[in-house]
Amino acid sequence: MASKRKALCVDQKVALIRAIEKGEKKSDVGKRFGFSPSTVATIWKNKDKILHAETEGSSCKKIRKPKFKGLDQAMLTWFHKQRCNNVPISGPVLKTKAEHFAQQLGIIDFKASEGWLGKFKQRHNITYGKISGEALNVDLNVTNSWLINVWPKLNEKYTPDNIFNADETGIFYKMTPDKTLKFKGEKCVGGKLSKERITAFVAANMSGTEKRKIMVIGKSKNPRCFKNIKRLPVTYKANNSAWMTSILFEEEIRKWDAELKGRKVLLLVNNCPAHPNLSNLMNIEMIFFPASQLTQLVSYSRWTKVL
């Protein structure tokens, strides 16, 4: 019965080549590594290719030729061009482009599966990399003091159904992703980012059972896309910057306060200029978080469904 063929990784082959280069006999190296004479001869014959693979970062991967060499080369050329232009590329984008090239090349039996994507990335040392990031400076002493001294008293007064968190978030709908596929070792630099945005003001309760209708803030009072639209699934407001303002915030909170009709709720919001401290609210008790501490509170209070 024939023995199962042993798959060798590049690391093993490089170690064998280095041993022979140092003057060790091929037969002795083969015995030490447990390789047959024919395997040793094949590895030595292909040493240039193997050593090149090592320098490219494929040290622990088998060297496999692509099934469709033309397609593979076209994809590699295209990928390299996009990265030179700092265009972010994701896995789905890569697969879509591969199927497009396959169609152009007349390849019928090609499917850009996850398996194909993994092998393509492996062959060409492509990994994921983050384009940009921002650290948040948090004063843990302030956070812990608020959680220990303030939060328990508030939590006792209201049920999870009546504890709400509200905040706005910018939606940069033309901005490219902050992660991309890239060549291993490549410096990941992003291009100029689009500043086109809208702002969404969202609110939900602690139990995740109730979500308030989203308020969207744009720049245009009458966007073209609203033509012939009689009803929107959101409340729409507009100003020149498409940002939340203290006036819009107060309008929305007072409208919400009137809609509650005697139901008492706790509203937690972050402390920023667009969130003024409103007086004379009948049904909403508004409490401000310490600056930049929302994430810590959510973790502490076991928020199950947020916004």
C-alpha atoms as a PDB file:
ATOM      1  CA  MET A   1       0.000   0.000   0.000  1.00  0.00           C
ATOM      2  CA  ALA A   2       1.430   3.368  -0.997  1.00  0.00           C
ATOM      3  CA  SER A   3       2.220   5.739   1.874  1.00  0.00           C
ATOM      4  CA  LYS A   4       0.436   9.080   2.086  1.00  0.00           C
ATOM      5  CA  ARG A   5       2.419  11.847   0.461  1.00  0.00           C
ATOM      6  CA  LYS A   6       3.914  14.234   3.006  1.00  0.00           C
ATOM      7  CA  ALA A   7       3.267  17.951   2.433  1.00  0.00           C
ATOM      8  CA  LEU A   8       6.307  20.112   3.082  1.00  0.00           C
ATOM      9  CA  CYS A   9       6.218  23.779   4.008  1.00  0.00           C
ATOM     10  CA  VAL A  10       8.721  26.317   2.770  1.00  0.00           C
ATOM     11  CA  ASP A  11      10.468  26.507   6.153  1.00  0.00           C
ATOM     12  CA  GLN A  12      11.451  22.839   5.955  1.00  0.00           C
ATOM     13  CA  LYS A  13      12.687  23.146   2.397  1.00  0.00           C
ATOM     14  CA  VAL A  14      14.764  26.237   3.214  1.00  0.00           C
ATOM     15  CA  ALA A  15      16.354  24.487   6.191  1.00  0.00           C
ATOM     16  CA  LEU A  16      17.354  21.584   3.929  1.00  0.00           C
ATOM     17  CA  ILE A  17      18.819  23.944   1.299  1.00  0.00           C
ATOM     18  CA  ARG A  18      20.813  25.868   3.919  1.00  0.00           C
ATOM     19  CA  ALA A  19      22.256  22.638   5.295  1.00  0.00           C
ATOM     20  CA  ILE A  20      23.470  21.539   1.861  1.00  0.00           C
ATOM     21  CA  GLU A  21      24.901  25.006   1.171  1.00  0.00           C
ATOM     22  CA  LYS A  22      26.965  24.707   4.353  1.00  0.00           C
ATOM     23  CA  GLY A  23      28.638  21.589   2.915  1.00  0.00           C
ATOM     24  CA  GLU A  24      26.545  18.768   4.332  1.00  0.00           C
ATOM     25  CA  LYS A  25      25.994  15.830   2.009  1.00  0.00           C
ATOM     26  CA  LYS A  26      22.571  15.534   0.384  1.00  0.00           C
ATOM     27  CA  SER A  27      22.219  11.938   1.552  1.00  0.00           C
ATOM     28  CA  ASP A  28      22.974  12.894   5.163  1.00  0.00           C
ATOM     29  CA  VAL A  29      20.592  15.842   5.061  1.00  0.00           C
ATOM     30  CA  GLY A  30      17.867  13.637   3.620  1.00  0.00           C
ATOM     31  CA  LYS A  31      18.269  11.088   6.400  1.00  0.00           C
ATOM     32  CA  ARG A  32      18.277  13.798   9.093  1.00  0.00           C
ATOM     33  CA  PHE A  33      15.098  15.405   7.736  1.00  0.00           C
ATOM     34  CA  GLY A  34      13.467  12.114   6.829  1.00  0.00           C
ATOM     35  CA  PHE A  35      13.282  12.925   3.096  1.00  0.00           C
ATOM     36  CA  SER A  36      13.823  10.489   0.261  1.00  0.00           C
ATOM     37  CA  PRO A  37      16.753  11.083  -2.159  1.00  0.00           C
ATOM     38  CA  SER A  38      14.305  12.079  -4.922  1.00  0.00           C
ATOM     39  CA  THR A  39      12.626  14.665  -2.642  1.00  0.00           C
ATOM     40  CA  VAL A  40      15.989  16.147  -1.685  1.00  0.00           C
ATOM     41  CA  ALA A  41      16.991  16.327  -5.352  1.00  0.00           C
ATOM     42  CA  THR A  42      13.728  18.068  -6.304  1.00  0.00           C
ATOM     43  CA  ILE A  43      14.044  20.613  -3.505  1.00  0.00           C
ATOM     44  CA  TRP A  44      17.656  21.366  -4.443  1.00  0.00           C
ATOM     45  CA  LYS A  45      16.696  21.741  -8.098  1.00  0.00           C
ATOM     46  CA  ASN A  46      14.018  24.320  -7.190  1.00  0.00           C
ATOM     47  CA  LYS A  47      16.077  26.101  -4.534  1.00  0.00           C
ATOM     48  CA  ASP A  48      15.935  29.525  -6.222  1.00  0.00           C
ATOM     49  CA  LYS A  49      12.151  29.467  -6.317  1.00  0.00           C
ATOM     50  CA  ILE A  50      11.923  28.260  -2.720  1.00  0.00           C
ATOM     51  CA  LEU A  51      14.324  30.888  -1.368  1.00  0.00           C
ATOM     52  CA  HIS A  52      12.436  33.571  -3.270  1.00  0.00           C
ATOM     53  CA  ALA A  53       9.207  32.408  -1.639  1.00  0.00           C
ATOM     54  CA  GLU A  54      10.872  32.736   1.766  1.00  0.00           C
ATOM     55  CA  THR A  55      11.919  36.339   1.136  1.00  0.00           C
ATOM     56  CA  GLU A  56       8.360  37.147   0.046  1.00  0.00           C
ATOM     57  CA  GLY A  57       7.043  35.990   3.421  1.00  0.00           C
ATOM     58  CA  SER A  58       5.555  32.598   2.535  1.00  0.00           C
ATOM     59  CA  SER A  59       7.727  30.727   5.015  1.00  0.00           C
ATOM     60  CA  CYS A  60       5.015  28.482   6.390  1.00  0.00           C
ATOM     61  CA  LYS A  61       2.929  27.974   3.291  1.00  0.00           C
ATOM     62  CA  LYS A  62       3.127  25.452   0.504  1.00  0.00           C
ATOM     63  CA  ILE A  63       3.997  26.850  -2.911  1.00  0.00           C
ATOM     64  CA  ARG A  64       1.007  26.284  -5.162  1.00  0.00           C
ATOM     65  CA  LYS A  65       0.566  27.462  -8.720  1.00  0.00           C
ATOM     66  CA  PRO A  66      -2.772  29.127  -9.536  1.00  0.00           C
ATOM     67  CA  LYS A  67      -5.199  27.178 -11.698  1.00  0.00           C
ATOM     68  CA  PHE A  68      -5.727  30.204 -13.950  1.00  0.00           C
ATOM     69  CA  LYS A  69      -2.333  31.867 -14.282  1.00  0.00           C
ATOM     70  CA  GLY A  70      -3.536  34.688 -16.550  1.00  0.00           C
ATOM     71  CA  LEU A  71      -6.344  35.601 -14.181  1.00  0.00           C
ATOM     72  CA  ASP A  72      -3.997  35.495 -11.200  1.00  0.00           C
ATOM     73  CA  GLN A  73      -1.529  37.836 -12.884  1.00  0.00           C
ATOM     74  CA  ALA A  74      -4.285  40.236 -13.979  1.00  0.00           C
ATOM     75  CA  MET A  75      -5.624  40.364 -10.428  1.00  0.00           C
ATOM     76  CA  LEU A  76      -2.168  40.936  -8.965  1.00  0.00           C
ATOM     77  CA  THR A  77      -1.474  43.791 -11.408  1.00  0.00           C
ATOM     78  CA  TRP A  78      -4.841  45.389 -10.680  1.00  0.00           C
ATOM     79  CA  PHE A  79      -4.402  44.998  -6.907  1.00  0.00           C
ATOM     80  CA  HIS A  80      -0.928  46.531  -7.017  1.00  0.00           C
ATOM     81  CA  LYS A  81      -2.244  49.512  -9.016  1.00  0.00           C
ATOM     82  CA  GLN A  82      -5.097  50.131  -6.560  1.00  0.00           C
ATOM     83  CA  ARG A  83      -2.775  50.018  -3.569  1.00  0.00           C
ATOM     84  CA  CYS A  84      -0.370  52.442  -5.272  1.00  0.00           C
ATOM     85  CA  ASN A  85      -3.340  54.822  -5.448  1.00  0.00           C
ATOM     86  CA  ASN A  86      -4.216  54.108  -1.778  1.00  0.00           C
ATOM     87  CA  VAL A  87      -7.615  52.664  -2.732  1.00  0.00           C
ATOM     88  CA  PRO A  88      -9.048  50.510   0.113  1.00  0.00           C
ATOM     89  CA  ILE A  89      -9.888  46.967  -1.027  1.00  0.00           C
ATOM     90  CA  SER A  90     -11.981  44.396   0.816  1.00  0.00           C
ATOM     91  CA  GLY A  91     -12.405  40.674   0.252  1.00  0.00           C
ATOM     92  CA  PRO A  92     -15.805  41.044  -1.508  1.00  0.00           C
ATOM     93  CA  VAL A  93     -14.350  43.713  -3.816  1.00  0.00           C
ATOM     94  CA  LEU A  94     -11.439  41.422  -4.676  1.00  0.00           C
ATOM     95  CA  LYS A  95     -13.769  38.511  -5.465  1.00  0.00           C
ATOM     96  CA  THR A  96     -16.078  40.658  -7.600  1.00  0.00           C
ATOM     97  CA  LYS A  97     -13.140  41.962  -9.596  1.00  0.00           C
ATOM     98  CA  ALA A  98     -11.789  38.443 -10.097  1.00  0.00           C
ATOM     99  CA  GLU A  99     -15.100  37.252 -11.548  1.00  0.00           C
ATOM    100  CA  HIS A 100     -15.134  40.307 -13.832  1.00  0.00           C
ATOM    101  CA  PHE A 101     -11.627  39.506 -15.106  1.00  0.00           C
ATOM    102  CA  ALA A 102     -12.554  35.834 -15.532  1.00  0.00           C
ATOM    103  CA  GLN A 103     -15.479  36.828 -17.733  1.00  0.00           C
ATOM    104  CA  GLN A 104     -13.243  39.082 -19.826  1.00  0.00           C
ATOM    105  CA  LEU A 105     -10.668  36.289 -20.201  1.00  0.00           C
ATOM    106  CA  GLY A 106     -13.335  33.791 -21.258  1.00  0.00           C
ATOM    107  CA  ILE A 107     -12.911  31.566 -18.177  1.00  0.00           C
ATOM    108  CA  ILE A 108     -16.227  29.809 -17.684  1.00  0.00           C
ATOM    109  CA  ASP A 109     -15.636  27.429 -14.753  1.00  0.00           C
ATOM    110  CA  PHE A 110     -14.279  30.020 -12.322  1.00  0.00           C
ATOM    111  CA  LYS A 111     -15.904  30.942  -9.010  1.00  0.00           C
ATOM    112  CA  ALA A 112     -14.358  33.545  -6.693  1.00  0.00           C
ATOM    113  CA  SER A 113     -15.012  31.574  -3.517  1.00  0.00           C
ATOM    114  CA  GLU A 114     -13.606  32.155  -0.054  1.00  0.00           C
ATOM    115  CA  GLY A 115     -11.159  29.344  -0.794  1.00  0.00           C
ATOM    116  CA  TRP A 116      -9.902  31.116  -3.910  1.00  0.00           C
ATOM    117  CA  LEU A 117      -9.585  34.385  -1.978  1.00  0.00           C
ATOM    118  CA  GLY A 118      -7.578  32.736   0.805  1.00  0.00           C
ATOM    119  CA  LYS A 119      -5.169  31.094  -1.651  1.00  0.00           C
ATOM    120  CA  PHE A 120      -4.722  34.317  -3.639  1.00  0.00           C
ATOM    121  CA  LYS A 121      -3.867  36.222  -0.462  1.00  0.00           C
ATOM    122  CA  GLN A 122      -1.524  33.408   0.616  1.00  0.00           C
ATOM    123  CA  ARG A 123       0.315  33.304  -2.717  1.00  0.00           C
ATOM    124  CA  HIS A 124       0.940  37.034  -2.780  1.00  0.00           C
ATOM    125  CA  ASN A 125       1.353  37.736   0.961  1.00  0.00           C
ATOM    126  CA  ILE A 126      -1.733  39.912   1.207  1.00  0.00           C
ATOM    127  CA  THR A 127      -3.126  40.716   4.649  1.00  0.00           C
ATOM    128  CA  TYR A 128      -5.661  43.062   6.207  1.00  0.00           C
ATOM    129  CA  GLY A 129      -4.432  46.375   7.579  1.00  0.00           C
ATOM    130  CA  LYS A 130      -6.092  49.325   9.269  1.00  0.00           C
ATOM    131  CA  ILE A 131      -5.717  52.627   7.456  1.00  0.00           C
ATOM    132  CA  SER A 132      -6.272  54.958  10.363  1.00  0.00           C
ATOM    133  CA  GLY A 133      -7.301  54.913  13.975  1.00  0.00           C
ATOM    134  CA  GLU A 134      -7.843  57.212  16.886  1.00  0.00           C
ATOM    135  CA  ALA A 135      -7.199  56.579  20.583  1.00  0.00           C
ATOM    136  CA  LEU A 136      -9.582  57.722  23.276  1.00  0.00           C
ATOM    137  CA  ASN A 137      -8.127  59.228  26.418  1.00  0.00           C
ATOM    138  CA  VAL A 138     -10.304  58.177  29.348  1.00  0.00           C
ATOM    139  CA  ASP A 139      -9.987  59.328  32.959  1.00  0.00           C
ATOM    140  CA  LEU A 140     -10.762  56.100  34.788  1.00  0.00           C
ATOM    141  CA  ASN A 141     -10.993  57.815  38.184  1.00  0.00           C
ATOM    142  CA  VAL A 142     -13.847  60.024  36.992  1.00  0.00           C
ATOM    143  CA  THR A 143     -15.548  57.044  35.369  1.00  0.00           C
ATOM    144  CA  ASN A 144     -15.333  54.814  38.425  1.00  0.00           C
ATOM    145  CA  SER A 145     -16.532  57.578  40.732  1.00  0.00           C
ATOM    146  CA  TRP A 146     -19.594  58.187  38.531  1.00  0.00           C
ATOM    147  CA  LEU A 147     -20.403  54.489  38.300  1.00  0.00           C
ATOM    148  CA  ILE A 148     -20.079  53.941  42.046  1.00  0.00           C
ATOM    149  CA  ASN A 149     -21.693  57.110  43.408  1.00  0.00           C
ATOM    150  CA  VAL A 150     -24.185  58.277  40.769  1.00  0.00           C
ATOM    151  CA  TRP A 151     -25.295  55.396  38.572  1.00  0.00           C
ATOM    152  CA  PRO A 152     -26.686  53.013  41.287  1.00  0.00           C
ATOM    153  CA  LYS A 153     -29.062  55.715  42.598  1.00  0.00           C
ATOM    154  CA  LEU A 154     -30.352  56.410  39.099  1.00  0.00           C
ATOM    155  CA  ASN A 155     -30.712  52.710  38.309  1.00  0.00           C
ATOM    156  CA  GLU A 156     -32.903  52.186  41.392  1.00  0.00           C
ATOM    157  CA  LYS A 157     -35.451  54.792  40.301  1.00  0.00           C
ATOM    158  CA  TYR A 158     -36.221  53.421  36.846  1.00  0.00           C
ATOM    159  CA  THR A 159     -36.790  50.066  35.183  1.00  0.00           C
ATOM    160  CA  PRO A 160     -34.611  49.127  32.156  1.00  0.00           C
ATOM    161  CA  ASP A 161     -37.605  49.829  29.895  1.00  0.00           C
ATOM    162  CA  ASN A 162     -37.614  53.454  31.068  1.00  0.00           C
ATOM    163  CA  ILE A 163     -33.870  54.155  30.939  1.00  0.00           C
ATOM    164  CA  PHE A 164     -32.886  55.630  27.571  1.00  0.00           C
ATOM    165  CA  ASN A 165     -29.614  56.607  25.959  1.00  0.00           C
ATOM    166  CA  ALA A 166     -29.570  59.071  23.052  1.00  0.00           C
ATOM    167  CA  ASP A 167     -26.742  60.375  20.915  1.00  0.00           C
ATOM    168  CA  GLU A 168     -25.963  61.551  17.415  1.00  0.00           C
ATOM    169  CA  THR A 169     -23.580  59.927  14.968  1.00  0.00           C
ATOM    170  CA  GLY A 170     -22.095  61.206  11.749  1.00  0.00           C
ATOM    171  CA  ILE A 171     -22.700  59.123   8.632  1.00  0.00           C
ATOM    172  CA  PHE A 172     -19.981  59.807   6.068  1.00  0.00           C
ATOM    173  CA  TYR A 173     -21.723  58.081   3.190  1.00  0.00           C
ATOM    174  CA  LYS A 174     -18.969  58.772   0.635  1.00  0.00           C
ATOM    175  CA  MET A 175     -16.037  57.845   2.838  1.00  0.00           C
ATOM    176  CA  THR A 176     -13.924  54.832   1.872  1.00  0.00           C
ATOM    177  CA  PRO A 177     -13.348  51.993   4.406  1.00  0.00           C
ATOM    178  CA  ASP A 178     -10.618  52.312   7.042  1.00  0.00           C
ATOM    179  CA  LYS A 179      -9.357  48.764   6.412  1.00  0.00           C
ATOM    180  CA  THR A 180      -7.963  47.249   3.241  1.00  0.00           C
ATOM    181  CA  LEU A 181      -6.205  44.236   1.848  1.00  0.00           C
ATOM    182  CA  LYS A 182      -2.554  45.086   1.344  1.00  0.00           C
ATOM    183  CA  PHE A 183       0.796  43.490   0.580  1.00  0.00           C
ATOM    184  CA  LYS A 184       2.589  42.232   3.673  1.00  0.00           C
ATOM    185  CA  GLY A 185       4.955  44.906   4.948  1.00  0.00           C
ATOM    186  CA  GLU A 186       3.318  47.648   2.868  1.00  0.00           C
ATOM    187  CA  LYS A 187       2.862  50.991   4.618  1.00  0.00           C
ATOM    188  CA  CYS A 188      -0.891  51.523   4.773  1.00  0.00           C
ATOM    189  CA  VAL A 189      -1.749  55.134   3.931  1.00  0.00           C
ATOM    190  CA  GLY A 190      -5.194  56.470   3.148  1.00  0.00           C
ATOM    191  CA  GLY A 191      -6.088  59.018   0.493  1.00  0.00           C
ATOM    192  CA  LYS A 192      -8.083  62.213   0.963  1.00  0.00           C
ATOM    193  CA  LEU A 193     -11.288  61.388   2.825  1.00  0.00           C
ATOM    194  CA  SER A 194     -14.670  62.708   1.744  1.00  0.00           C
ATOM    195  CA  LYS A 195     -16.337  65.035   4.257  1.00  0.00           C
ATOM    196  CA  GLU A 196     -19.856  64.615   2.834  1.00  0.00           C
ATOM    197  CA  ARG A 197     -22.057  63.585   5.737  1.00  0.00           C
ATOM    198  CA  ILE A 198     -25.424  63.520   7.410  1.00  0.00           C
ATOM    199  CA  THR A 199     -26.070  63.261  11.155  1.00  0.00           C
ATOM    200  CA  ALA A 200     -28.433  60.751  12.743  1.00  0.00           C
ATOM    201  CA  PHE A 201     -29.837  61.248  16.254  1.00  0.00           C
ATOM    202  CA  VAL A 202     -30.771  57.865  17.687  1.00  0.00           C
ATOM    203  CA  ALA A 203     -32.237  56.714  21.000  1.00  0.00           C
ATOM    204  CA  ALA A 204     -33.180  53.390  22.572  1.00  0.00           C
ATOM    205  CA  ASN A 205     -34.001  52.048  26.004  1.00  0.00           C
ATOM    206  CA  MET A 206     -31.766  49.878  28.183  1.00  0.00           C
ATOM    207  CA  SER A 207     -33.770  46.692  27.646  1.00  0.00           C
ATOM    208  CA  GLY A 208     -33.643  47.077  23.862  1.00  0.00           C
ATOM    209  CA  THR A 209     -37.419  46.882  23.567  1.00  0.00           C
ATOM    210  CA  GLU A 210     -38.036  50.422  22.353  1.00  0.00           C
ATOM    211  CA  LYS A 211     -36.303  52.625  19.780  1.00  0.00           C
ATOM    212  CA  ARG A 212     -37.260  56.199  19.092  1.00  0.00           C
ATOM    213  CA  LYS A 213     -37.806  57.367  15.520  1.00  0.00           C
ATOM    214  CA  ILE A 214     -34.445  58.460  14.127  1.00  0.00           C
ATOM    215  CA  MET A 215     -33.854  62.128  13.425  1.00  0.00           C
ATOM    216  CA  VAL A 216     -31.633  62.781  10.384  1.00  0.00           C
ATOM    217  CA  ILE A 217     -29.901  66.123   9.832  1.00  0.00           C
ATOM    218  CA  GLY A 218     -28.747  67.061   6.333  1.00  0.00           C
ATOM    219  CA  LYS A 219     -27.568  70.222   4.573  1.00  0.00           C
ATOM    220  CA  SER A 220     -30.416  70.718   2.102  1.00  0.00           C
ATOM    221  CA  LYS A 221     -33.930  71.608   3.238  1.00  0.00           C
ATOM    222  CA  ASN A 222     -35.433  69.923   0.161  1.00  0.00           C
ATOM    223  CA  PRO A 223     -33.048  67.279  -1.215  1.00  0.00           C
ATOM    224  CA  ARG A 224     -33.690  66.129  -4.772  1.00  0.00           C
ATOM    225  CA  CYS A 225     -34.044  62.539  -3.616  1.00  0.00           C
ATOM    226  CA  PHE A 226     -37.144  63.579  -1.610  1.00  0.00           C
ATOM    227  CA  LYS A 227     -39.028  64.590  -4.758  1.00  0.00           C
ATOM    228  CA  ASN A 228     -42.509  63.014  -4.848  1.00  0.00           C
ATOM    229  CA  ILE A 229     -41.858  61.403  -1.423  1.00  0.00           C
ATOM    230  CA  LYS A 230     -44.805  62.037   0.863  1.00  0.00           C
ATOM    231  CA  ARG A 231     -43.688  60.138   3.950  1.00  0.00           C
ATOM    232  CA  LEU A 232     -40.243  59.424   5.452  1.00  0.00           C
ATOM    233  CA  PRO A 233     -39.325  56.682   7.955  1.00  0.00           C
ATOM    234  CA  VAL A 234     -37.270  59.307   9.851  1.00  0.00           C
ATOM    235  CA  THR A 235     -37.663  62.870  11.093  1.00  0.00           C
ATOM    236  CA  TYR A 236     -35.661  65.121   8.765  1.00  0.00           C
ATOM    237  CA  LYS A 237     -34.044  68.450   9.698  1.00  0.00           C
ATOM    238  CA  ALA A 238     -31.490  70.602   7.875  1.00  0.00           C
ATOM    239  CA  ASN A 239     -28.783  73.180   8.525  1.00  0.00           C
ATOM    240  CA  ASN A 240     -25.671  74.383   6.703  1.00  0.00           C
ATOM    241  CA  SER A 241     -23.279  72.016   8.505  1.00  0.00           C
ATOM    242  CA  ALA A 242     -25.539  68.939   8.830  1.00  0.00           C
ATOM    243  CA  TRP A 243     -24.552  68.840  12.522  1.00  0.00           C
ATOM    244  CA  MET A 244     -26.656  68.586  15.647  1.00  0.00           C
ATOM    245  CA  THR A 245     -27.293  71.994  17.227  1.00  0.00           C
ATOM    246  CA  SER A 246     -28.609  72.939  20.651  1.00  0.00           C
ATOM    247  CA  ILE A 247     -31.794  74.267  19.023  1.00  0.00           C
ATOM    248  CA  LEU A 248     -32.512  71.003  17.172  1.00  0.00           C
ATOM    249  CA  PHE A 249     -31.689  68.976  20.276  1.00  0.00           C
ATOM    250  CA  GLU A 250     -34.059  71.008  22.441  1.00  0.00           C
ATOM    251  CA  GLU A 251     -36.858  70.779  19.853  1.00  0.00           C
ATOM    252  CA  GLU A 252     -36.533  66.986  19.687  1.00  0.00           C
ATOM    253  CA  ILE A 253     -36.360  66.440  23.460  1.00  0.00           C
ATOM    254  CA  ARG A 254     -39.300  68.716  24.223  1.00  0.00           C
ATOM    255  CA  LYS A 255     -41.348  67.023  21.501  1.00  0.00           C
ATOM    256  CA  TRP A 256     -40.488  63.635  23.032  1.00  0.00           C
ATOM    257  CA  ASP A 257     -41.334  64.916  26.524  1.00  0.00           C
ATOM    258  CA  ALA A 258     -44.812  65.927  25.348  1.00  0.00           C
ATOM    259  CA  GLU A 259     -45.391  62.567  23.646  1.00  0.00           C
ATOM    260  CA  LEU A 260     -44.698  60.592  26.847  1.00  0.00           C
ATOM    261  CA  LYS A 261     -47.949  61.862  28.451  1.00  0.00           C
ATOM    262  CA  GLY A 262     -47.111  61.129  32.085  1.00  0.00           C
ATOM    263  CA  ARG A 263     -44.670  58.257  31.569  1.00  0.00           C
ATOM    264  CA  LYS A 264     -41.448  58.998  33.473  1.00  0.00           C
ATOM    265  CA  VAL A 265     -38.147  58.108  31.807  1.00  0.00           C
ATOM    266  CA  LEU A 266     -34.450  58.661  32.449  1.00  0.00           C
ATOM    267  CA  LEU A 267     -32.468  60.002  29.494  1.00  0.00           C
ATOM    268  CA  LEU A 268     -28.674  59.593  29.526  1.00  0.00           C
ATOM    269  CA  VAL A 269     -26.736  61.821  27.124  1.00  0.00           C
ATOM    270  CA  ASN A 270     -23.109  62.815  26.723  1.00  0.00           C
ATOM    271  CA  ASN A 271     -21.918  66.231  27.800  1.00  0.00           C
ATOM    272  CA  CYS A 272     -21.339  68.400  24.718  1.00  0.00           C
ATOM    273  CA  PRO A 273     -22.290  71.929  23.556  1.00  0.00           C
ATOM    274  CA  ALA A 274     -25.083  70.564  21.339  1.00  0.00           C
ATOM    275  CA  HIS A 275     -26.792  69.030  24.406  1.00  0.00           C
ATOM    276  CA  PRO A 276     -27.978  71.905  26.630  1.00  0.00           C
ATOM    277  CA  ASN A 277     -29.329  71.274  30.112  1.00  0.00           C
ATOM    278  CA  LEU A 278     -33.082  71.658  29.584  1.00  0.00           C
ATOM    279  CA  SER A 279     -35.378  72.883  32.315  1.00  0.00           C
ATOM    280  CA  ASN A 280     -39.114  72.370  32.841  1.00  0.00           C
ATOM    281  CA  LEU A 281     -39.223  68.871  31.363  1.00  0.00           C
ATOM    282  CA  MET A 282     -42.329  67.125  32.690  1.00  0.00           C
ATOM    283  CA  ASN A 283     -41.604  63.464  31.920  1.00  0.00           C
ATOM    284  CA  ILE A 284     -37.888  63.213  31.129  1.00  0.00           C
ATOM    285  CA  GLU A 285     -35.099  63.336  33.698  1.00  0.00           C
ATOM    286  CA  MET A 286     -31.973  64.161  31.700  1.00  0.00           C
ATOM    287  CA  ILE A 287     -28.590  63.142  33.121  1.00  0.00           C
ATOM    288  CA  PHE A 288     -25.194  63.835  31.568  1.00  0.00           C
ATOM    289  CA  PHE A 289     -22.375  61.307  31.404  1.00  0.00           C
ATOM    290  CA  PRO A 290     -18.878  62.349  32.441  1.00  0.00           C
ATOM    291  CA  ALA A 291     -16.964  63.325  29.304  1.00  0.00           C
ATOM    292  CA  SER A 292     -16.096  60.407  26.985  1.00  0.00           C
ATOM    293  CA  GLN A 293     -17.332  57.678  29.349  1.00  0.00           C
ATOM    294  CA  LEU A 294     -20.278  56.161  27.412  1.00  0.00           C
ATOM    295  CA  THR A 295     -18.460  52.959  26.477  1.00  0.00           C
ATOM    296  CA  GLN A 296     -17.509  52.217  30.086  1.00  0.00           C
ATOM    297  CA  LEU A 297     -21.077  52.720  31.308  1.00  0.00           C
ATOM    298  CA  VAL A 298     -22.575  50.468  28.647  1.00  0.00           C
ATOM    299  CA  SER A 299     -20.216  47.669  29.671  1.00  0.00           C
ATOM    300  CA  TYR A 300     -20.911  48.175  33.373  1.00  0.00           C
ATOM    301  CA  SER A 301     -24.698  48.268  33.171  1.00  0.00           C
ATOM    302  CA  ARG A 302     -25.024  45.173  30.936  1.00  0.00           C
ATOM    303  CA  TRP A 303     -26.749  47.073  28.137  1.00  0.00           C
ATOM    304  CA  THR A 304     -28.127  44.286  26.001  1.00  0.00           C
ATOM    305  CA  LYS A 305     -29.195  46.233  22.926  1.00  0.00           C
ATOM    306  CA  VAL A 306     -27.856  49.722  22.340  1.00  0.00           C
ATOM    307  CA  LEU A 307     -29.274  52.120  19.756  1.00  0.00           C
END
